[in-house]
Amino acid sequence: MIGQLMPNSSESAILTIKEVAEYLKVTERTIYRLAAAKKIPGFKVGGMWRFRQADIDDWITAQAEKPDAT
């Protein structure tokens, strides 16, 4: 039953602040700021931030597609 709800896939992985920071090669503080400002997709579970890897990957793609604001 659980396997049906949570398929084994990196896209369904749930990441912590630390894991997202390592993935993006930034500090944990940067991820906290982005999450609190709702600039990166995430959600809280028991007061702790969590992120879906697929959402982070989509966010990265969207950031790369934005034109420079110069």
PDB file of N, CA and C in Angstrom:
ATOM      1  N   MET A   1       0.823  -1.191   0.000  1.00  0.00           N
ATOM      2  CA  MET A   1       0.000   0.000   0.000  1.00  0.00           C
ATOM      3  C   MET A   1       0.869   1.258   0.000  1.00  0.00           C
ATOM      4  N   ILE A   2       1.851   1.330   0.867  1.00  0.00           N
ATOM      5  CA  ILE A   2       2.711   2.512   0.919  1.00  0.00           C
ATOM      6  C   ILE A   2       3.475   2.661  -0.388  1.00  0.00           C
ATOM      7  N   GLY A   3       3.922   1.561  -0.958  1.00  0.00           N
ATOM      8  CA  GLY A   3       4.634   1.615  -2.224  1.00  0.00           C
ATOM      9  C   GLY A   3       3.797   2.228  -3.331  1.00  0.00           C
ATOM     10  N   GLN A   4       2.480   2.049  -3.265  1.00  0.00           N
ATOM     11  CA  GLN A   4       1.599   2.638  -4.262  1.00  0.00           C
ATOM     12  C   GLN A   4       1.489   4.146  -4.069  1.00  0.00           C
ATOM     13  N   LEU A   5       1.542   4.599  -2.844  1.00  0.00           N
ATOM     14  CA  LEU A   5       1.435   6.023  -2.567  1.00  0.00           C
ATOM     15  C   LEU A   5       2.746   6.756  -2.807  1.00  0.00           C
ATOM     16  N   MET A   6       3.856   6.080  -2.552  1.00  0.00           N
ATOM     17  CA  MET A   6       5.162   6.707  -2.663  1.00  0.00           C
ATOM     18  C   MET A   6       6.073   5.871  -3.555  1.00  0.00           C
ATOM     19  N   PRO A   7       5.990   6.071  -4.866  1.00  0.00           N
ATOM     20  CA  PRO A   7       6.842   5.293  -5.754  1.00  0.00           C
ATOM     21  C   PRO A   7       8.310   5.626  -5.541  1.00  0.00           C
ATOM     22  N   ASN A   8       9.190   4.662  -5.789  1.00  0.00           N
ATOM     23  CA  ASN A   8      10.630   4.897  -5.670  1.00  0.00           C
ATOM     24  C   ASN A   8      11.094   5.692  -6.875  1.00  0.00           C
ATOM     25  N   SER A   9      11.293   6.973  -6.677  1.00  0.00           N
ATOM     26  CA  SER A   9      11.703   7.863  -7.745  1.00  0.00           C
ATOM     27  C   SER A   9      12.378   9.068  -7.127  1.00  0.00           C
ATOM     28  N   SER A  10      13.446   9.541  -7.760  1.00  0.00           N
ATOM     29  CA  SER A  10      14.111  10.728  -7.235  1.00  0.00           C
ATOM     30  C   SER A  10      13.184  11.933  -7.315  1.00  0.00           C
ATOM     31  N   GLU A  11      12.232  11.911  -8.257  1.00  0.00           N
ATOM     32  CA  GLU A  11      11.301  13.024  -8.384  1.00  0.00           C
ATOM     33  C   GLU A  11      10.341  13.103  -7.208  1.00  0.00           C
ATOM     34  N   SER A  12      10.104  11.987  -6.536  1.00  0.00           N
ATOM     35  CA  SER A  12       9.185  12.003  -5.405  1.00  0.00           C
ATOM     36  C   SER A  12       9.927  12.196  -4.085  1.00  0.00           C
ATOM     37  N   ALA A  13      11.242  12.368  -4.155  1.00  0.00           N
ATOM     38  CA  ALA A  13      12.043  12.519  -2.944  1.00  0.00           C
ATOM     39  C   ALA A  13      11.675  13.810  -2.217  1.00  0.00           C
ATOM     40  N   ILE A  14      11.645  13.729  -0.901  1.00  0.00           N
ATOM     41  CA  ILE A  14      11.411  14.899  -0.056  1.00  0.00           C
ATOM     42  C   ILE A  14      12.750  15.271   0.569  1.00  0.00           C
ATOM     43  N   LEU A  15      13.132  16.530   0.408  1.00  0.00           N
ATOM     44  CA  LEU A  15      14.437  17.004   0.858  1.00  0.00           C
ATOM     45  C   LEU A  15      14.305  17.953   2.042  1.00  0.00           C
ATOM     46  N   THR A  16      15.343  17.989   2.858  1.00  0.00           N
ATOM     47  CA  THR A  16      15.428  18.924   3.979  1.00  0.00           C
ATOM     48  C   THR A  16      16.116  20.205   3.513  1.00  0.00           C
ATOM     49  N   ILE A  17      16.125  21.199   4.381  1.00  0.00           N
ATOM     50  CA  ILE A  17      16.847  22.450   4.100  1.00  0.00           C
ATOM     51  C   ILE A  17      18.306  22.141   3.758  1.00  0.00           C
ATOM     52  N   LYS A  18      18.931  21.306   4.573  1.00  0.00           N
ATOM     53  CA  LYS A  18      20.342  20.978   4.369  1.00  0.00           C
ATOM     54  C   LYS A  18      20.560  20.316   3.015  1.00  0.00           C
ATOM     55  N   GLU A  19      19.688  19.385   2.660  1.00  0.00           N
ATOM     56  CA  GLU A  19      19.833  18.676   1.385  1.00  0.00           C
ATOM     57  C   GLU A  19      19.627  19.610   0.195  1.00  0.00           C
ATOM     58  N   VAL A  20      18.663  20.518   0.299  1.00  0.00           N
ATOM     59  CA  VAL A  20      18.437  21.481  -0.784  1.00  0.00           C
ATOM     60  C   VAL A  20      19.637  22.418  -0.901  1.00  0.00           C
ATOM     61  N   ALA A  21      20.166  22.859   0.228  1.00  0.00           N
ATOM     62  CA  ALA A  21      21.341  23.734   0.214  1.00  0.00           C
ATOM     63  C   ALA A  21      22.524  23.039  -0.460  1.00  0.00           C
ATOM     64  N   GLU A  22      22.743  21.780  -0.131  1.00  0.00           N
ATOM     65  CA  GLU A  22      23.832  21.025  -0.758  1.00  0.00           C
ATOM     66  C   GLU A  22      23.570  20.842  -2.251  1.00  0.00           C
ATOM     67  N   TYR A  23      22.334  20.541  -2.605  1.00  0.00           N
ATOM     68  CA  TYR A  23      21.942  20.320  -3.993  1.00  0.00           C
ATOM     69  C   TYR A  23      22.178  21.569  -4.837  1.00  0.00           C
ATOM     70  N   LEU A  24      21.849  22.747  -4.265  1.00  0.00           N
ATOM     71  CA  LEU A  24      21.991  24.006  -4.989  1.00  0.00           C
ATOM     72  C   LEU A  24      23.338  24.683  -4.750  1.00  0.00           C
ATOM     73  N   LYS A  25      24.137  24.101  -3.863  1.00  0.00           N
ATOM     74  CA  LYS A  25      25.467  24.636  -3.532  1.00  0.00           C
ATOM     75  C   LYS A  25      25.383  26.070  -2.993  1.00  0.00           C
ATOM     76  N   VAL A  26      24.455  26.247  -2.040  1.00  0.00           N
ATOM     77  CA  VAL A  26      24.303  27.513  -1.324  1.00  0.00           C
ATOM     78  C   VAL A  26      24.218  27.190   0.162  1.00  0.00           C
ATOM     79  N   THR A  27      24.160  28.223   0.988  1.00  0.00           N
ATOM     80  CA  THR A  27      24.076  27.988   2.431  1.00  0.00           C
ATOM     81  C   THR A  27      22.643  27.636   2.840  1.00  0.00           C
ATOM     82  N   GLU A  28      22.533  26.997   3.996  1.00  0.00           N
ATOM     83  CA  GLU A  28      21.213  26.687   4.542  1.00  0.00           C
ATOM     84  C   GLU A  28      20.441  27.976   4.802  1.00  0.00           C
ATOM     85  N   ARG A  29      21.139  29.002   5.239  1.00  0.00           N
ATOM     86  CA  ARG A  29      20.505  30.296   5.510  1.00  0.00           C
ATOM     87  C   ARG A  29      19.839  30.853   4.245  1.00  0.00           C
ATOM     88  N   THR A  30      20.493  30.695   3.108  1.00  0.00           N
ATOM     89  CA  THR A  30      19.916  31.156   1.841  1.00  0.00           C
ATOM     90  C   THR A  30      18.611  30.432   1.547  1.00  0.00           C
ATOM     91  N   ILE A  31      18.581  29.127   1.777  1.00  0.00           N
ATOM     92  CA  ILE A  31      17.361  28.352   1.534  1.00  0.00           C
ATOM     93  C   ILE A  31      16.264  28.782   2.501  1.00  0.00           C
ATOM     94  N   TYR A  32      16.599  28.997   3.773  1.00  0.00           N
ATOM     95  CA  TYR A  32      15.611  29.493   4.742  1.00  0.00           C
ATOM     96  C   TYR A  32      14.997  30.807   4.254  1.00  0.00           C
ATOM     97  N   ARG A  33      15.849  31.727   3.809  1.00  0.00           N
ATOM     98  CA  ARG A  33      15.357  33.034   3.349  1.00  0.00           C
ATOM     99  C   ARG A  33      14.450  32.889   2.134  1.00  0.00           C
ATOM    100  N   LEU A  34      14.876  32.075   1.164  1.00  0.00           N
ATOM    101  CA  LEU A  34      14.063  31.868  -0.038  1.00  0.00           C
ATOM    102  C   LEU A  34      12.721  31.232   0.304  1.00  0.00           C
ATOM    103  N   ALA A  35      12.739  30.252   1.190  1.00  0.00           N
ATOM    104  CA  ALA A  35      11.504  29.560   1.574  1.00  0.00           C
ATOM    105  C   ALA A  35      10.565  30.505   2.324  1.00  0.00           C
ATOM    106  N   ALA A  36      11.102  31.260   3.264  1.00  0.00           N
ATOM    107  CA  ALA A  36      10.276  32.183   4.049  1.00  0.00           C
ATOM    108  C   ALA A  36       9.658  33.261   3.163  1.00  0.00           C
ATOM    109  N   ALA A  37      10.376  33.660   2.117  1.00  0.00           N
ATOM    110  CA  ALA A  37       9.881  34.675   1.186  1.00  0.00           C
ATOM    111  C   ALA A  37       9.030  34.061   0.073  1.00  0.00           C
ATOM    112  N   LYS A  38       8.815  32.756   0.139  1.00  0.00           N
ATOM    113  CA  LYS A  38       8.038  32.014  -0.864  1.00  0.00           C
ATOM    114  C   LYS A  38       8.628  32.160  -2.265  1.00  0.00           C
ATOM    115  N   LYS A  39       9.962  32.220  -2.330  1.00  0.00           N
ATOM    116  CA  LYS A  39      10.647  32.328  -3.614  1.00  0.00           C
ATOM    117  C   LYS A  39      11.143  30.978  -4.116  1.00  0.00           C
ATOM    118  N   ILE A  40      11.000  29.963  -3.288  1.00  0.00           N
ATOM    119  CA  ILE A  40      11.370  28.601  -3.659  1.00  0.00           C
ATOM    120  C   ILE A  40      10.227  27.703  -3.166  1.00  0.00           C
ATOM    121  N   PRO A  41       9.834  26.705  -3.954  1.00  0.00           N
ATOM    122  CA  PRO A  41       8.696  25.876  -3.541  1.00  0.00           C
ATOM    123  C   PRO A  41       9.040  24.957  -2.374  1.00  0.00           C
ATOM    124  N   GLY A  42       8.267  25.062  -1.321  1.00  0.00           N
ATOM    125  CA  GLY A  42       8.482  24.219  -0.150  1.00  0.00           C
ATOM    126  C   GLY A  42       7.258  24.238   0.742  1.00  0.00           C
ATOM    127  N   PHE A  43       7.296  23.430   1.781  1.00  0.00           N
ATOM    128  CA  PHE A  43       6.183  23.361   2.724  1.00  0.00           C
ATOM    129  C   PHE A  43       6.734  22.982   4.085  1.00  0.00           C
ATOM    130  N   LYS A  44       5.959  23.273   5.111  1.00  0.00           N
ATOM    131  CA  LYS A  44       6.390  22.953   6.469  1.00  0.00           C
ATOM    132  C   LYS A  44       5.664  21.723   6.981  1.00  0.00           C
ATOM    133  N   VAL A  45       6.418  20.882   7.671  1.00  0.00           N
ATOM    134  CA  VAL A  45       5.872  19.717   8.362  1.00  0.00           C
ATOM    135  C   VAL A  45       6.365  19.821   9.797  1.00  0.00           C
ATOM    136  N   GLY A  46       5.453  19.988  10.726  1.00  0.00           N
ATOM    137  CA  GLY A  46       5.844  20.125  12.127  1.00  0.00           C
ATOM    138  C   GLY A  46       6.786  21.286  12.364  1.00  0.00           C
ATOM    139  N   GLY A  47       6.617  22.354  11.603  1.00  0.00           N
ATOM    140  CA  GLY A  47       7.453  23.535  11.766  1.00  0.00           C
ATOM    141  C   GLY A  47       8.791  23.467  11.051  1.00  0.00           C
ATOM    142  N   MET A  48       9.055  22.369  10.346  1.00  0.00           N
ATOM    143  CA  MET A  48      10.328  22.218   9.629  1.00  0.00           C
ATOM    144  C   MET A  48      10.072  22.234   8.124  1.00  0.00           C
ATOM    145  N   TRP A  49      10.918  22.935   7.389  1.00  0.00           N
ATOM    146  CA  TRP A  49      10.767  23.034   5.944  1.00  0.00           C
ATOM    147  C   TRP A  49      11.111  21.722   5.255  1.00  0.00           C
ATOM    148  N   ARG A  50      10.312  21.398   4.237  1.00  0.00           N
ATOM    149  CA  ARG A  50      10.557  20.243   3.381  1.00  0.00           C
ATOM    150  C   ARG A  50      10.303  20.662   1.941  1.00  0.00           C
ATOM    151  N   PHE A  51      10.979  19.988   1.014  1.00  0.00           N
ATOM    152  CA  PHE A  51      10.923  20.349  -0.393  1.00  0.00           C
ATOM    153  C   PHE A  51      10.845  19.088  -1.241  1.00  0.00           C
ATOM    154  N   ARG A  52       9.992  19.102  -2.261  1.00  0.00           N
ATOM    155  CA  ARG A  52       9.939  17.988  -3.208  1.00  0.00           C
ATOM    156  C   ARG A  52      11.031  18.213  -4.244  1.00  0.00           C
ATOM    157  N   GLN A  53      11.840  17.196  -4.509  1.00  0.00           N
ATOM    158  CA  GLN A  53      12.935  17.353  -5.456  1.00  0.00           C
ATOM    159  C   GLN A  53      12.418  17.750  -6.833  1.00  0.00           C
ATOM    160  N   ALA A  54      11.297  17.185  -7.260  1.00  0.00           N
ATOM    161  CA  ALA A  54      10.733  17.531  -8.569  1.00  0.00           C
ATOM    162  C   ALA A  54      10.381  19.018  -8.626  1.00  0.00           C
ATOM    163  N   ASP A  55       9.841  19.563  -7.526  1.00  0.00           N
ATOM    164  CA  ASP A  55       9.505  20.990  -7.480  1.00  0.00           C
ATOM    165  C   ASP A  55      10.765  21.847  -7.556  1.00  0.00           C
ATOM    166  N   ILE A  56      11.815  21.423  -6.877  1.00  0.00           N
ATOM    167  CA  ILE A  56      13.082  22.163  -6.917  1.00  0.00           C
ATOM    168  C   ILE A  56      13.661  22.130  -8.329  1.00  0.00           C
ATOM    169  N   ASP A  57      13.620  20.966  -8.969  1.00  0.00           N
ATOM    170  CA  ASP A  57      14.122  20.855 -10.343  1.00  0.00           C
ATOM    171  C   ASP A  57      13.333  21.760 -11.286  1.00  0.00           C
ATOM    172  N   ASP A  58      12.006  21.796 -11.133  1.00  0.00           N
ATOM    173  CA  ASP A  58      11.169  22.680 -11.954  1.00  0.00           C
ATOM    174  C   ASP A  58      11.503  24.142 -11.683  1.00  0.00           C
ATOM    175  N   TRP A  59      11.738  24.473 -10.406  1.00  0.00           N
ATOM    176  CA  TRP A  59      12.083  25.838 -10.026  1.00  0.00           C
ATOM    177  C   TRP A  59      13.420  26.249 -10.658  1.00  0.00           C
ATOM    178  N   ILE A  60      14.391  25.349 -10.653  1.00  0.00           N
ATOM    179  CA  ILE A  60      15.695  25.622 -11.268  1.00  0.00           C
ATOM    180  C   ILE A  60      15.509  25.928 -12.747  1.00  0.00           C
ATOM    181  N   THR A  61      14.714  25.111 -13.427  1.00  0.00           N
ATOM    182  CA  THR A  61      14.460  25.313 -14.855  1.00  0.00           C
ATOM    183  C   THR A  61      13.812  26.671 -15.094  1.00  0.00           C
ATOM    184  N   ALA A  62      12.834  27.026 -14.280  1.00  0.00           N
ATOM    185  CA  ALA A  62      12.159  28.316 -14.419  1.00  0.00           C
ATOM    186  C   ALA A  62      13.125  29.475 -14.178  1.00  0.00           C
ATOM    187  N   GLN A  63      14.028  29.329 -13.209  1.00  0.00           N
ATOM    188  CA  GLN A  63      15.003  30.381 -12.925  1.00  0.00           C
ATOM    189  C   GLN A  63      15.950  30.562 -14.106  1.00  0.00           C
ATOM    190  N   ALA A  64      16.336  29.467 -14.730  1.00  0.00           N
ATOM    191  CA  ALA A  64      17.263  29.519 -15.859  1.00  0.00           C
ATOM    192  C   ALA A  64      16.610  30.164 -17.078  1.00  0.00           C
ATOM    193  N   GLU A  65      15.282  30.077 -17.175  1.00  0.00           N
ATOM    194  CA  GLU A  65      14.567  30.614 -18.329  1.00  0.00           C
ATOM    195  C   GLU A  65      14.226  32.093 -18.182  1.00  0.00           C
ATOM    196  N   LYS A  66      14.347  32.647 -16.972  1.00  0.00           N
ATOM    197  CA  LYS A  66      14.018  34.057 -16.756  1.00  0.00           C
ATOM    198  C   LYS A  66      15.055  34.944 -17.439  1.00  0.00           C
ATOM    199  N   PRO A  67      14.592  35.980 -18.158  1.00  0.00           N
ATOM    200  CA  PRO A  67      15.559  36.914 -18.746  1.00  0.00           C
ATOM    201  C   PRO A  67      16.197  37.771 -17.652  1.00  0.00           C
ATOM    202  N   ASP A  68      17.425  38.199 -17.890  1.00  0.00           N
ATOM    203  CA  ASP A  68      18.114  39.062 -16.924  1.00  0.00           C
ATOM    204  C   ASP A  68      17.380  40.388 -16.799  1.00  0.00           C
ATOM    205  N   ALA A  69      17.292  40.885 -15.579  1.00  0.00           N
ATOM    206  CA  ALA A  69      16.627  42.170 -15.321  1.00  0.00           C
ATOM    207  C   ALA A  69      17.659  43.285 -15.359  1.00  0.00           C
ATOM    208  N   THR A  70      18.173  43.569 -16.547  1.00  0.00           N
ATOM    209  CA  THR A  70      19.181  44.631 -16.685  1.00  0.00           C
ATOM    210  C   THR A  70      18.657  45.795 -17.462  1.00  0.00           C
TER     211      THR A  70
END
